[in-house]
Amino acid sequence: MNLTRLLLIKLMFWVSTHAMAFDRQSLTYLAICETAVKTNDKITAKLMAEKLLGIWKNTEVPSEKSRLMSCLEFSEIDYETESISHVALQEVIRKLEQELVEKCEMLLDVKPRAALDIHICRSIWP
């Protein structure tokens, strides 16, 4: 535990000359994540990786990017997924809603009682 603390403190105050793309807080998060990776602490690594998630695309320094990628990969966070816009999400929900209405209507034709037992299908009809 003392070795981990010493390493963590050392890494927190170490600032690479190539780290200009990062601010101090990001470097601290990265150092904590690297320590968590070394000690196999997935919870801490995931917490730090979530804080660093938005930075990985903007990192142009290869050494920093590889450190960041290691942290993100260890924490099993899908860092390549683009965020979905709310408009696209609304469109997907509307399509699913239409499919659900169609399925509920089919079930109503086949077995009305079963359709009414399903809360979502029941909410479609007044």
N, C-alpha and C. Protein backbone atom coordinates (compact mmCIF):
# COMPACT_ATOMS: atom_id res chain seq x y z
N MET A 1 0.82 -1.19 0.00
CA MET A 1 0.00 0.00 0.00
C MET A 1 0.86 1.26 0.00
N ASN A 2 1.96 1.26 0.77
CA ASN A 2 2.84 2.42 0.83
C ASN A 2 3.53 2.67 -0.50
N LEU A 3 3.90 1.59 -1.19
CA LEU A 3 4.53 1.71 -2.49
C LEU A 3 3.55 2.33 -3.49
N THR A 4 2.30 1.91 -3.41
CA THR A 4 1.27 2.46 -4.30
C THR A 4 1.09 3.95 -4.04
N ARG A 5 1.02 4.32 -2.79
CA ARG A 5 0.87 5.75 -2.45
C ARG A 5 2.06 6.56 -2.94
N LEU A 6 3.25 6.03 -2.73
CA LEU A 6 4.46 6.73 -3.15
C LEU A 6 4.46 6.91 -4.66
N LEU A 7 4.12 5.84 -5.37
CA LEU A 7 4.06 5.91 -6.82
C LEU A 7 2.99 6.89 -7.28
N LEU A 8 1.86 6.86 -6.62
CA LEU A 8 0.77 7.77 -6.96
C LEU A 8 1.17 9.23 -6.74
N ILE A 9 1.79 9.51 -5.62
CA ILE A 9 2.23 10.88 -5.33
C ILE A 9 3.28 11.33 -6.33
N LYS A 10 4.20 10.42 -6.64
CA LYS A 10 5.25 10.74 -7.61
C LYS A 10 4.65 11.03 -8.98
N LEU A 11 3.70 10.22 -9.39
CA LEU A 11 3.08 10.40 -10.70
C LEU A 11 2.20 11.64 -10.75
N MET A 12 1.58 11.97 -9.63
CA MET A 12 0.71 13.15 -9.60
C MET A 12 1.49 14.44 -9.83
N PHE A 13 2.72 14.49 -9.37
CA PHE A 13 3.52 15.71 -9.50
C PHE A 13 4.46 15.68 -10.69
N TRP A 14 4.48 14.58 -11.38
CA TRP A 14 5.32 14.47 -12.57
C TRP A 14 4.58 15.01 -13.77
N VAL A 15 5.17 15.96 -14.43
CA VAL A 15 4.53 16.54 -15.61
C VAL A 15 5.49 16.39 -16.78
N SER A 16 5.06 15.66 -17.76
CA SER A 16 5.87 15.42 -18.94
C SER A 16 5.99 16.70 -19.78
N THR A 17 7.11 16.85 -20.45
CA THR A 17 7.27 18.01 -21.33
C THR A 17 6.38 17.88 -22.56
N HIS A 18 5.95 16.67 -22.86
CA HIS A 18 5.07 16.44 -24.01
C HIS A 18 3.60 16.52 -23.63
N ALA A 19 3.32 16.85 -22.43
CA ALA A 19 1.94 16.80 -21.95
C ALA A 19 1.20 18.12 -22.11
N MET A 20 1.60 18.93 -23.02
CA MET A 20 0.97 20.22 -23.18
C MET A 20 -0.48 20.10 -23.62
N ALA A 21 -0.85 18.98 -24.24
CA ALA A 21 -2.23 18.78 -24.67
C ALA A 21 -3.15 18.55 -23.48
N PHE A 22 -2.59 18.16 -22.37
CA PHE A 22 -3.36 17.89 -21.16
C PHE A 22 -3.22 19.04 -20.18
N ASP A 23 -4.22 19.22 -19.35
CA ASP A 23 -4.06 20.13 -18.23
C ASP A 23 -3.60 19.31 -17.02
N ARG A 24 -3.29 19.97 -15.94
CA ARG A 24 -2.79 19.26 -14.76
C ARG A 24 -3.80 18.25 -14.22
N GLN A 25 -5.06 18.62 -14.24
CA GLN A 25 -6.08 17.71 -13.72
C GLN A 25 -6.14 16.43 -14.55
N SER A 26 -6.07 16.56 -15.86
CA SER A 26 -6.10 15.39 -16.73
C SER A 26 -4.88 14.51 -16.50
N LEU A 27 -3.72 15.14 -16.32
CA LEU A 27 -2.51 14.37 -16.04
C LEU A 27 -2.63 13.63 -14.71
N THR A 28 -3.25 14.27 -13.74
CA THR A 28 -3.46 13.61 -12.45
C THR A 28 -4.38 12.41 -12.61
N TYR A 29 -5.48 12.59 -13.34
CA TYR A 29 -6.40 11.47 -13.59
C TYR A 29 -5.67 10.34 -14.31
N LEU A 30 -4.85 10.70 -15.29
CA LEU A 30 -4.12 9.70 -16.04
C LEU A 30 -3.13 8.95 -15.15
N ALA A 31 -2.45 9.67 -14.28
CA ALA A 31 -1.50 9.04 -13.36
C ALA A 31 -2.22 8.09 -12.40
N ILE A 32 -3.36 8.52 -11.90
CA ILE A 32 -4.14 7.66 -11.00
C ILE A 32 -4.61 6.42 -11.74
N CYS A 33 -5.04 6.60 -12.98
CA CYS A 33 -5.51 5.47 -13.77
C CYS A 33 -4.36 4.48 -14.03
N GLU A 34 -3.20 5.00 -14.36
CA GLU A 34 -2.04 4.12 -14.60
C GLU A 34 -1.68 3.34 -13.34
N THR A 35 -1.75 3.99 -12.21
CA THR A 35 -1.48 3.29 -10.95
C THR A 35 -2.53 2.22 -10.71
N ALA A 36 -3.78 2.54 -11.01
CA ALA A 36 -4.86 1.56 -10.85
C ALA A 36 -4.66 0.37 -11.78
N VAL A 37 -4.17 0.62 -12.99
CA VAL A 37 -3.89 -0.47 -13.93
C VAL A 37 -2.80 -1.37 -13.37
N LYS A 38 -1.74 -0.75 -12.84
CA LYS A 38 -0.62 -1.52 -12.29
C LYS A 38 -1.04 -2.36 -11.09
N THR A 39 -1.99 -1.86 -10.31
CA THR A 39 -2.45 -2.59 -9.13
C THR A 39 -3.71 -3.40 -9.40
N ASN A 40 -4.13 -3.42 -10.68
CA ASN A 40 -5.31 -4.18 -11.11
C ASN A 40 -6.58 -3.73 -10.39
N ASP A 41 -6.72 -2.44 -10.20
CA ASP A 41 -7.88 -1.85 -9.55
C ASP A 41 -8.84 -1.31 -10.62
N LYS A 42 -9.75 -2.16 -11.06
CA LYS A 42 -10.65 -1.81 -12.17
C LYS A 42 -11.61 -0.68 -11.81
N ILE A 43 -12.05 -0.62 -10.58
CA ILE A 43 -13.02 0.41 -10.19
C ILE A 43 -12.41 1.80 -10.31
N THR A 44 -11.23 1.99 -9.72
CA THR A 44 -10.57 3.29 -9.81
C THR A 44 -10.21 3.62 -11.25
N ALA A 45 -9.72 2.63 -11.98
CA ALA A 45 -9.36 2.87 -13.38
C ALA A 45 -10.57 3.31 -14.19
N LYS A 46 -11.71 2.68 -13.94
CA LYS A 46 -12.91 3.05 -14.69
C LYS A 46 -13.37 4.46 -14.33
N LEU A 47 -13.30 4.82 -13.06
CA LEU A 47 -13.68 6.18 -12.65
C LEU A 47 -12.80 7.23 -13.32
N MET A 48 -11.49 6.97 -13.34
CA MET A 48 -10.58 7.92 -13.96
C MET A 48 -10.76 7.94 -15.48
N ALA A 49 -10.98 6.77 -16.07
CA ALA A 49 -11.17 6.70 -17.52
C ALA A 49 -12.41 7.46 -17.95
N GLU A 50 -13.46 7.39 -17.14
CA GLU A 50 -14.68 8.14 -17.47
C GLU A 50 -14.41 9.65 -17.47
N LYS A 51 -13.56 10.09 -16.56
CA LYS A 51 -13.21 11.51 -16.51
C LYS A 51 -12.34 11.91 -17.71
N LEU A 52 -11.56 10.95 -18.22
CA LEU A 52 -10.65 11.23 -19.32
C LEU A 52 -11.26 10.95 -20.69
N LEU A 53 -12.44 10.41 -20.74
CA LEU A 53 -13.04 9.93 -21.98
C LEU A 53 -13.10 10.97 -23.08
N GLY A 54 -13.44 12.19 -22.77
CA GLY A 54 -13.57 13.21 -23.79
C GLY A 54 -12.25 13.73 -24.34
N ILE A 55 -11.14 13.37 -23.72
CA ILE A 55 -9.85 13.92 -24.08
C ILE A 55 -9.14 13.11 -25.16
N TRP A 56 -9.43 11.83 -25.26
CA TRP A 56 -8.61 10.94 -26.09
C TRP A 56 -8.56 11.34 -27.55
N LYS A 57 -9.63 11.89 -28.11
CA LYS A 57 -9.63 12.26 -29.53
C LYS A 57 -8.77 13.49 -29.79
N ASN A 58 -8.69 14.38 -28.82
CA ASN A 58 -7.97 15.63 -28.99
C ASN A 58 -6.48 15.52 -28.68
N THR A 59 -6.05 14.36 -28.27
CA THR A 59 -4.65 14.18 -27.90
C THR A 59 -3.82 13.93 -29.14
N GLU A 60 -2.84 14.78 -29.36
CA GLU A 60 -2.00 14.66 -30.55
C GLU A 60 -0.62 14.10 -30.23
N VAL A 61 -0.24 14.10 -28.98
CA VAL A 61 1.07 13.59 -28.59
C VAL A 61 0.99 12.07 -28.49
N PRO A 62 1.72 11.33 -29.33
CA PRO A 62 1.60 9.87 -29.36
C PRO A 62 1.84 9.19 -28.01
N SER A 63 2.83 9.66 -27.25
CA SER A 63 3.12 9.00 -25.97
C SER A 63 1.96 9.17 -25.00
N GLU A 64 1.36 10.35 -24.98
CA GLU A 64 0.22 10.59 -24.09
C GLU A 64 -1.00 9.82 -24.56
N LYS A 65 -1.18 9.76 -25.87
CA LYS A 65 -2.33 9.04 -26.42
C LYS A 65 -2.23 7.55 -26.08
N SER A 66 -1.04 6.98 -26.16
CA SER A 66 -0.90 5.55 -25.85
C SER A 66 -1.14 5.29 -24.36
N ARG A 67 -0.71 6.21 -23.50
CA ARG A 67 -0.98 6.07 -22.06
C ARG A 67 -2.48 6.12 -21.80
N LEU A 68 -3.13 7.07 -22.47
CA LEU A 68 -4.57 7.24 -22.31
C LEU A 68 -5.33 6.04 -22.84
N MET A 69 -4.92 5.52 -24.00
CA MET A 69 -5.58 4.35 -24.59
C MET A 69 -5.44 3.13 -23.68
N SER A 70 -4.29 2.97 -23.06
CA SER A 70 -4.08 1.85 -22.13
C SER A 70 -5.07 1.92 -20.98
N CYS A 71 -5.24 3.11 -20.46
CA CYS A 71 -6.18 3.31 -19.35
C CYS A 71 -7.60 2.99 -19.78
N LEU A 72 -8.01 3.52 -20.95
CA LEU A 72 -9.37 3.30 -21.43
C LEU A 72 -9.62 1.83 -21.74
N GLU A 73 -8.63 1.16 -22.33
CA GLU A 73 -8.80 -0.26 -22.66
C GLU A 73 -8.88 -1.12 -21.41
N PHE A 74 -8.03 -0.84 -20.42
CA PHE A 74 -8.07 -1.61 -19.18
C PHE A 74 -9.41 -1.47 -18.48
N SER A 75 -9.98 -0.27 -18.54
CA SER A 75 -11.26 -0.04 -17.86
C SER A 75 -12.46 -0.53 -18.65
N GLU A 76 -12.18 -1.08 -19.86
CA GLU A 76 -13.22 -1.67 -20.70
C GLU A 76 -14.31 -0.67 -21.06
N ILE A 77 -13.90 0.56 -21.34
CA ILE A 77 -14.83 1.60 -21.77
C ILE A 77 -14.74 1.70 -23.29
N ASP A 78 -15.89 1.74 -23.93
CA ASP A 78 -15.92 1.86 -25.39
C ASP A 78 -15.68 3.32 -25.75
N TYR A 79 -14.42 3.65 -25.99
CA TYR A 79 -14.05 5.03 -26.22
C TYR A 79 -14.24 5.46 -27.67
N GLU A 80 -14.54 4.54 -28.56
CA GLU A 80 -14.71 4.90 -29.97
C GLU A 80 -16.16 5.19 -30.32
N THR A 81 -17.06 4.94 -29.43
CA THR A 81 -18.47 5.17 -29.71
C THR A 81 -18.76 6.67 -29.76
N GLU A 82 -19.37 7.08 -30.83
CA GLU A 82 -19.76 8.48 -30.95
C GLU A 82 -21.02 8.69 -30.12
N SER A 83 -21.15 9.86 -29.58
CA SER A 83 -22.36 10.14 -28.83
C SER A 83 -23.52 10.31 -29.80
N ILE A 84 -24.67 9.80 -29.43
CA ILE A 84 -25.85 9.85 -30.28
C ILE A 84 -26.56 11.17 -30.01
N SER A 85 -26.94 11.84 -31.07
CA SER A 85 -27.66 13.10 -30.88
C SER A 85 -29.07 12.80 -30.39
N HIS A 86 -29.67 13.75 -29.71
CA HIS A 86 -31.02 13.53 -29.19
C HIS A 86 -32.02 13.39 -30.33
N VAL A 87 -31.76 14.01 -31.46
CA VAL A 87 -32.68 13.89 -32.60
C VAL A 87 -32.66 12.46 -33.14
N ALA A 88 -31.47 11.90 -33.28
CA ALA A 88 -31.35 10.52 -33.76
C ALA A 88 -31.98 9.56 -32.76
N LEU A 89 -31.78 9.83 -31.49
CA LEU A 89 -32.36 8.98 -30.46
C LEU A 89 -33.88 9.04 -30.47
N GLN A 90 -34.43 10.22 -30.67
CA GLN A 90 -35.89 10.35 -30.76
C GLN A 90 -36.43 9.58 -31.96
N GLU A 91 -35.71 9.62 -33.06
CA GLU A 91 -36.13 8.90 -34.26
C GLU A 91 -36.15 7.39 -34.01
N VAL A 92 -35.12 6.89 -33.35
CA VAL A 92 -35.06 5.47 -33.03
C VAL A 92 -36.22 5.08 -32.12
N ILE A 93 -36.51 5.90 -31.13
CA ILE A 93 -37.60 5.61 -30.20
C ILE A 93 -38.94 5.61 -30.93
N ARG A 94 -39.14 6.55 -31.84
CA ARG A 94 -40.40 6.59 -32.60
C ARG A 94 -40.57 5.33 -33.45
N LYS A 95 -39.49 4.88 -34.08
CA LYS A 95 -39.56 3.66 -34.89
C LYS A 95 -39.90 2.46 -34.01
N LEU A 96 -39.25 2.38 -32.86
CA LEU A 96 -39.52 1.28 -31.93
C LEU A 96 -40.95 1.34 -31.41
N GLU A 97 -41.43 2.54 -31.16
CA GLU A 97 -42.80 2.72 -30.69
C GLU A 97 -43.79 2.21 -31.74
N GLN A 98 -43.54 2.55 -33.00
CA GLN A 98 -44.42 2.10 -34.08
C GLN A 98 -44.40 0.57 -34.19
N GLU A 99 -43.21 -0.02 -34.09
CA GLU A 99 -43.11 -1.49 -34.14
C GLU A 99 -43.86 -2.11 -32.97
N LEU A 100 -43.75 -1.51 -31.81
CA LEU A 100 -44.42 -2.03 -30.62
C LEU A 100 -45.93 -1.95 -30.77
N VAL A 101 -46.43 -0.85 -31.30
CA VAL A 101 -47.87 -0.72 -31.53
C VAL A 101 -48.34 -1.80 -32.49
N GLU A 102 -47.59 -2.03 -33.56
CA GLU A 102 -47.96 -3.06 -34.53
C GLU A 102 -47.99 -4.45 -33.88
N LYS A 103 -47.00 -4.75 -33.06
CA LYS A 103 -46.94 -6.06 -32.39
C LYS A 103 -48.09 -6.21 -31.40
N CYS A 104 -48.40 -5.14 -30.68
CA CYS A 104 -49.52 -5.20 -29.73
C CYS A 104 -50.84 -5.41 -30.47
N GLU A 105 -51.00 -4.75 -31.62
CA GLU A 105 -52.23 -4.94 -32.40
C GLU A 105 -52.33 -6.36 -32.93
N MET A 106 -51.20 -6.93 -33.33
CA MET A 106 -51.19 -8.33 -33.79
C MET A 106 -51.60 -9.25 -32.65
N LEU A 107 -51.04 -9.02 -31.48
CA LEU A 107 -51.38 -9.84 -30.32
C LEU A 107 -52.84 -9.65 -29.93
N LEU A 108 -53.35 -8.45 -30.06
CA LEU A 108 -54.76 -8.18 -29.76
C LEU A 108 -55.67 -8.98 -30.68
N ASP A 109 -55.29 -9.10 -31.95
CA ASP A 109 -56.08 -9.89 -32.89
C ASP A 109 -56.02 -11.37 -32.56
N VAL A 110 -54.86 -11.86 -32.16
CA VAL A 110 -54.67 -13.28 -31.90
C VAL A 110 -55.21 -13.67 -30.52
N LYS A 111 -54.83 -12.93 -29.50
CA LYS A 111 -55.23 -13.26 -28.13
C LYS A 111 -55.42 -11.96 -27.35
N PRO A 112 -56.63 -11.41 -27.38
CA PRO A 112 -56.89 -10.11 -26.76
C PRO A 112 -56.54 -10.05 -25.28
N ARG A 113 -56.85 -11.09 -24.54
CA ARG A 113 -56.59 -11.08 -23.10
C ARG A 113 -55.09 -10.96 -22.81
N ALA A 114 -54.28 -11.68 -23.59
CA ALA A 114 -52.83 -11.62 -23.41
C ALA A 114 -52.31 -10.22 -23.71
N ALA A 115 -52.88 -9.58 -24.74
CA ALA A 115 -52.46 -8.22 -25.09
C ALA A 115 -52.78 -7.24 -23.96
N LEU A 116 -53.94 -7.42 -23.35
CA LEU A 116 -54.33 -6.51 -22.26
C LEU A 116 -53.56 -6.78 -20.97
N ASP A 117 -52.98 -7.96 -20.84
CA ASP A 117 -52.17 -8.28 -19.66
C ASP A 117 -50.79 -7.59 -19.72
N ILE A 118 -50.38 -7.20 -20.90
CA ILE A 118 -49.09 -6.54 -21.06
C ILE A 118 -49.28 -5.03 -20.87
N HIS A 119 -48.58 -4.50 -19.90
CA HIS A 119 -48.74 -3.09 -19.52
C HIS A 119 -48.55 -2.13 -20.70
N ILE A 120 -47.53 -2.34 -21.48
CA ILE A 120 -47.24 -1.44 -22.60
C ILE A 120 -48.35 -1.50 -23.64
N CYS A 121 -48.82 -2.70 -23.94
CA CYS A 121 -49.92 -2.83 -24.90
C CYS A 121 -51.20 -2.21 -24.34
N ARG A 122 -51.44 -2.41 -23.07
CA ARG A 122 -52.64 -1.86 -22.43
C ARG A 122 -52.62 -0.33 -22.45
N SER A 123 -51.45 0.26 -22.33
CA SER A 123 -51.35 1.72 -22.31
C SER A 123 -51.63 2.34 -23.69
N ILE A 124 -51.58 1.55 -24.73
CA ILE A 124 -51.87 2.06 -26.07
C ILE A 124 -53.35 2.33 -26.24
N TRP A 125 -54.19 1.48 -25.65
CA TRP A 125 -55.64 1.63 -25.78
C TRP A 125 -56.21 2.27 -24.53
N PRO A 126 -57.17 3.19 -24.72
CA PRO A 126 -57.75 3.86 -23.54
C PRO A 126 -58.61 2.95 -22.69
